[in-house]
Amino acid sequence: MGSELNFCIFISAVLFVAGVVCMATKRNAIGVLMGVELVLNAANLNFVAFANYTALGLDGQVIALFVIVLAAAEAAVALAIALNFYNNQLTIDVDRANDLQG
């Protein structure tokens, strides 16, 4: 395990912390969604970095590709919900989403 792995883990940790802070502090639904994407990208970076130390070397890339596809689907659904919420409430403030309760 070289210094490249330590650098990737450091960058991944920074991305993860930035994503968690973004999710915790943003009241805007789009900001929260951006935080989720940062956390997912931090995980992808770790998958790819650790894949260099496996026998085949493609495990991490395949899992990262799967996570990217899932993130794209998640973003599409979340943006559709945010757009629908904005059309009904004229805001995308997540604190006002309590109005969605049955």
Foldseek 3Di string as FASTA:
>chain_A
DDVVLVVLLVVLVVLLVVLVCQLVPDQALVSVLVSVVSNLVSQLSNLLSCLVVDDVSCRSVVVNVVSVVVSVVVVVVSVVVQVVCCVVPVGRGNVVCVVVDD
